[in-house]
Amino acid sequence: MDNLFLDKLIERISNEDRNALGELYDITSNNIFGYALSIVCNKSVAEDIMHDVYIQVFHNAKSYKAQGKAMAWMLRITRNISYNMLKRQKFESVIPYDEIDNTLLQNNTNNNELNELIDQIVLNELLIKLPTKERQIIILYLFVGMSQKEISKITRTPLPTVKWRYKNALKKLSAVISSNKKEEVNYEKF
C-alpha cells in the first residue's frame, strides 16, 4: 500500500471528491475493518466503526497533513472510535448468541450458512479466551493478512513483542483446543 498515493487521495477528499473516498475505501477497507474487529470482536460493530471512520476521514481530510502516514492516521481514527464504542457498549463477544438467526437454525435449509455460523461461534469462543493484545495480533495477521511488521507499526508495539504475542497466542489456542478434545473423548466414554 503506497502511503503517498493515499496522501493524494486524502487531498482529493479534502476538496470533497467523493470518488477519491470510494477509491480510498476500496484500498483500505480490509485493514480498517480488520483492525476494528480485532478491538471490538464483533463483526457488525466493526462494520459500523468502519463506516464511521470513513465519515471522519471525509470530514477531517482538510486537517490531515500529508506526511506519507495516511494509513497510520486512518488506523488511529479506527482505534479511537473502537475504544469509544467499547466504553459505550462494553462488548465481550464477537458473535453474541442472541444475534443468531433462529430461522437459520430451525429451517436448516442452507447447510453452508449454518456451518459458517457454527465456525464463527467456535472461533469466537476460542478468540475471547485470549488477552486483547494477542487477539488483535491473531486477527490482523491471520484474518486481515497484515504482516507482523505492519501490525507492529499499527499497534505501536515492538516487532519482537508482536512475534512473541503471536506465538504465545497460538500456544494458548492450541492448549484450549487440546483440552476440548480431551473433554470430548471423556464425554464420549459415558
Protein backbone atom coordinates (compact mmCIF):
# COMPACT_ATOMS: atom_id res chain seq x y z
CA MET A 1 0.00 0.00 0.00
CA ASP A 2 1.55 3.26 -1.14
CA ASN A 3 1.12 5.93 1.53
CA LEU A 4 1.97 8.73 -0.90
CA PHE A 5 -0.91 7.63 -3.11
CA LEU A 6 -3.15 7.58 -0.04
CA ASP A 7 -1.98 11.11 0.78
CA LYS A 8 -3.08 12.23 -2.69
CA LEU A 9 -6.46 10.56 -2.24
CA ILE A 10 -6.96 12.32 1.09
CA GLU A 11 -6.00 15.60 -0.55
CA ARG A 12 -8.67 14.98 -3.20
CA ILE A 13 -11.14 14.08 -0.44
CA SER A 14 -10.36 17.40 1.28
CA ASN A 15 -11.62 19.02 -1.94
CA GLU A 16 -14.84 16.99 -1.49
CA ASP A 17 -14.03 14.45 -4.21
CA ARG A 18 -16.35 11.55 -3.35
CA ASN A 19 -14.75 9.33 -5.99
CA ALA A 20 -11.47 9.63 -4.10
CA LEU A 21 -13.26 8.50 -0.95
CA GLY A 22 -14.53 5.45 -2.84
CA GLU A 23 -11.01 4.67 -4.05
CA LEU A 24 -9.65 5.08 -0.52
CA TYR A 25 -12.34 2.76 0.77
CA ASP A 26 -11.53 0.10 -1.83
CA ILE A 27 -7.83 0.20 -0.95
CA THR A 28 -8.03 0.40 2.83
CA SER A 29 -11.34 -1.09 3.98
CA ASN A 30 -9.95 -4.56 4.74
CA ASN A 31 -7.29 -3.11 7.02
CA ILE A 32 -9.72 -0.73 8.73
CA PHE A 33 -12.31 -3.46 9.24
CA GLY A 34 -9.74 -5.97 10.48
CA TYR A 35 -8.27 -3.53 12.97
CA ALA A 36 -11.70 -2.54 14.29
CA LEU A 37 -12.68 -6.21 14.53
CA SER A 38 -9.52 -7.00 16.45
CA ILE A 39 -10.51 -4.42 19.06
CA VAL A 40 -14.29 -4.82 19.41
CA CYS A 41 -14.58 -8.51 18.46
CA ASN A 42 -17.98 -8.03 16.91
CA LYS A 43 -18.43 -8.14 13.14
CA SER A 44 -21.46 -5.85 12.90
CA VAL A 45 -19.94 -3.32 15.31
CA ALA A 46 -16.66 -3.39 13.34
CA GLU A 47 -18.65 -2.65 10.17
CA ASP A 48 -20.31 0.32 11.92
CA ILE A 49 -16.93 1.56 13.09
CA MET A 50 -15.53 1.25 9.57
CA HIS A 51 -18.43 3.37 8.30
CA ASP A 52 -17.74 5.99 10.99
CA VAL A 53 -14.03 6.02 10.12
CA TYR A 54 -14.71 6.95 6.50
CA ILE A 55 -17.16 9.64 7.57
CA GLN A 56 -14.48 11.11 9.85
CA VAL A 57 -11.89 10.86 7.10
CA PHE A 58 -14.22 12.76 4.78
CA HIS A 59 -14.95 15.46 7.36
CA ASN A 60 -11.38 15.76 8.67
CA ALA A 61 -9.42 15.38 5.42
CA LYS A 62 -8.64 19.12 5.37
CA SER A 63 -6.89 18.86 8.74
CA TYR A 64 -4.68 15.94 7.62
CA LYS A 65 -1.10 16.97 6.96
CA ALA A 66 0.38 14.83 4.18
CA GLN A 67 3.48 13.12 5.52
CA GLY A 68 3.18 9.69 3.93
CA LYS A 69 1.38 8.37 7.01
CA ALA A 70 -2.19 8.26 5.78
CA MET A 71 -2.78 4.67 6.82
CA ALA A 72 -1.45 5.32 10.31
CA TRP A 73 -3.77 8.35 10.57
CA MET A 74 -6.78 6.27 9.50
CA LEU A 75 -5.89 3.43 11.86
CA ARG A 76 -5.58 5.92 14.72
CA ILE A 77 -9.10 7.13 13.90
CA THR A 78 -10.22 3.48 13.83
CA ARG A 79 -8.63 2.80 17.21
CA ASN A 80 -10.20 5.87 18.80
CA ILE A 81 -13.68 5.10 17.50
CA SER A 82 -13.32 1.44 18.50
CA TYR A 83 -12.30 2.21 22.06
CA ASN A 84 -15.05 4.81 22.38
CA MET A 85 -17.52 2.20 21.18
CA LEU A 86 -16.22 -0.30 23.74
CA LYS A 87 -16.61 2.25 26.50
CA ARG A 88 -20.21 2.90 25.49
CA GLN A 89 -21.38 -0.63 24.82
CA LYS A 90 -18.88 -2.90 26.62
CA PHE A 91 -18.88 -5.76 24.12
CA GLU A 92 -17.41 -9.06 25.23
CA SER A 93 -18.22 -11.37 22.33
CA VAL A 94 -17.52 -11.49 18.60
CA ILE A 95 -20.92 -13.03 17.84
CA PRO A 96 -23.39 -12.74 20.70
CA TYR A 97 -25.57 -15.80 20.90
CA ASP A 98 -28.73 -13.69 20.99
CA GLU A 99 -27.91 -12.43 17.48
CA ILE A 100 -28.01 -15.91 15.95
CA ASP A 101 -30.77 -16.10 13.38
CA ASN A 102 -33.17 -18.69 14.79
CA THR A 103 -34.79 -19.23 11.42
CA LEU A 104 -31.43 -20.31 10.05
CA LEU A 105 -31.09 -22.84 12.83
CA GLN A 106 -34.71 -24.05 12.56
CA ASN A 107 -35.03 -24.32 8.79
CA ASN A 108 -31.53 -25.71 8.23
CA THR A 109 -32.10 -25.15 4.50
CA ASN A 110 -28.63 -23.87 3.79
CA ASN A 111 -26.02 -26.10 5.40
CA ASN A 112 -23.17 -23.86 4.24
CA GLU A 113 -24.60 -20.87 6.10
CA LEU A 114 -25.22 -22.97 9.18
CA ASN A 115 -21.69 -24.40 9.08
CA GLU A 116 -20.24 -20.89 8.67
CA LEU A 117 -22.27 -19.71 11.65
CA ILE A 118 -21.08 -22.63 13.78
CA ASP A 119 -17.47 -21.99 12.70
CA GLN A 120 -17.84 -18.32 13.69
CA ILE A 121 -19.23 -19.25 17.10
CA VAL A 122 -16.41 -21.74 17.73
CA LEU A 123 -13.83 -19.21 16.57
CA ASN A 124 -15.42 -16.60 18.83
CA GLU A 125 -15.20 -18.92 21.81
CA LEU A 126 -11.52 -19.50 21.11
CA LEU A 127 -10.62 -15.87 20.49
CA ILE A 128 -12.35 -14.47 23.57
CA LYS A 129 -10.10 -16.68 25.70
CA LEU A 130 -7.09 -14.66 24.53
CA PRO A 131 -5.98 -11.35 26.03
CA THR A 132 -6.98 -8.39 23.85
CA LYS A 133 -3.48 -7.64 22.55
CA GLU A 134 -2.88 -11.24 21.50
CA ARG A 135 -6.36 -11.47 19.93
CA GLN A 136 -5.65 -8.31 17.90
CA ILE A 137 -2.45 -9.77 16.51
CA ILE A 138 -4.11 -13.09 15.60
CA ILE A 139 -7.00 -11.34 13.81
CA LEU A 140 -4.80 -8.85 11.97
CA TYR A 141 -2.26 -11.48 10.94
CA LEU A 142 -4.45 -14.47 10.09
CA PHE A 143 -7.74 -12.91 9.02
CA VAL A 144 -6.78 -9.50 7.62
CA GLY A 145 -3.48 -10.69 6.16
CA MET A 146 -1.24 -7.99 7.58
CA SER A 147 2.43 -8.73 8.11
CA GLN A 148 3.85 -8.73 11.61
CA LYS A 149 5.84 -5.64 10.68
CA GLU A 150 2.63 -3.81 9.67
CA ILE A 151 0.96 -4.92 12.91
CA SER A 152 3.95 -3.60 14.83
CA LYS A 153 3.56 -0.17 13.22
CA ILE A 154 -0.21 -0.04 13.63
CA THR A 155 -0.26 -1.09 17.26
CA ARG A 156 2.95 0.78 18.11
CA THR A 157 4.39 -2.40 19.56
CA PRO A 158 7.99 -3.53 19.02
CA LEU A 159 8.25 -6.23 16.35
CA PRO A 160 9.77 -8.83 18.72
CA THR A 161 6.83 -8.30 21.08
CA VAL A 162 4.36 -8.80 18.22
CA LYS A 163 6.13 -12.03 17.26
CA TRP A 164 6.16 -13.24 20.86
CA ARG A 165 2.46 -12.44 21.37
CA TYR A 166 1.58 -14.22 18.13
CA LYS A 167 3.46 -17.38 19.12
CA ASN A 168 2.09 -17.18 22.66
CA ALA A 169 -1.47 -16.81 21.36
CA LEU A 170 -1.06 -19.82 19.09
CA LYS A 171 0.20 -21.89 22.02
CA LYS A 172 -2.79 -20.83 24.11
CA LEU A 173 -5.25 -21.62 21.32
CA SER A 174 -3.59 -24.99 20.78
CA ALA A 175 -3.86 -25.76 24.50
CA VAL A 176 -7.55 -24.82 24.55
CA ILE A 177 -8.26 -26.99 21.51
CA SER A 178 -6.32 -29.90 23.03
CA SER A 179 -8.17 -29.62 26.33
CA ASN A 180 -11.51 -29.51 24.48
CA LYS A 181 -10.60 -32.65 22.55
CA LYS A 182 -9.78 -34.43 25.80
CA GLU A 183 -13.12 -33.36 27.26
CA GLU A 184 -14.92 -34.68 24.17
CA VAL A 185 -13.13 -38.02 24.47
CA ASN A 186 -14.04 -38.27 28.16
CA TYR A 187 -17.61 -37.30 27.40
CA GLU A 188 -17.90 -39.97 24.68
CA LYS A 189 -16.90 -42.67 27.20
CA PHE A 190 -20.15 -42.12 29.10
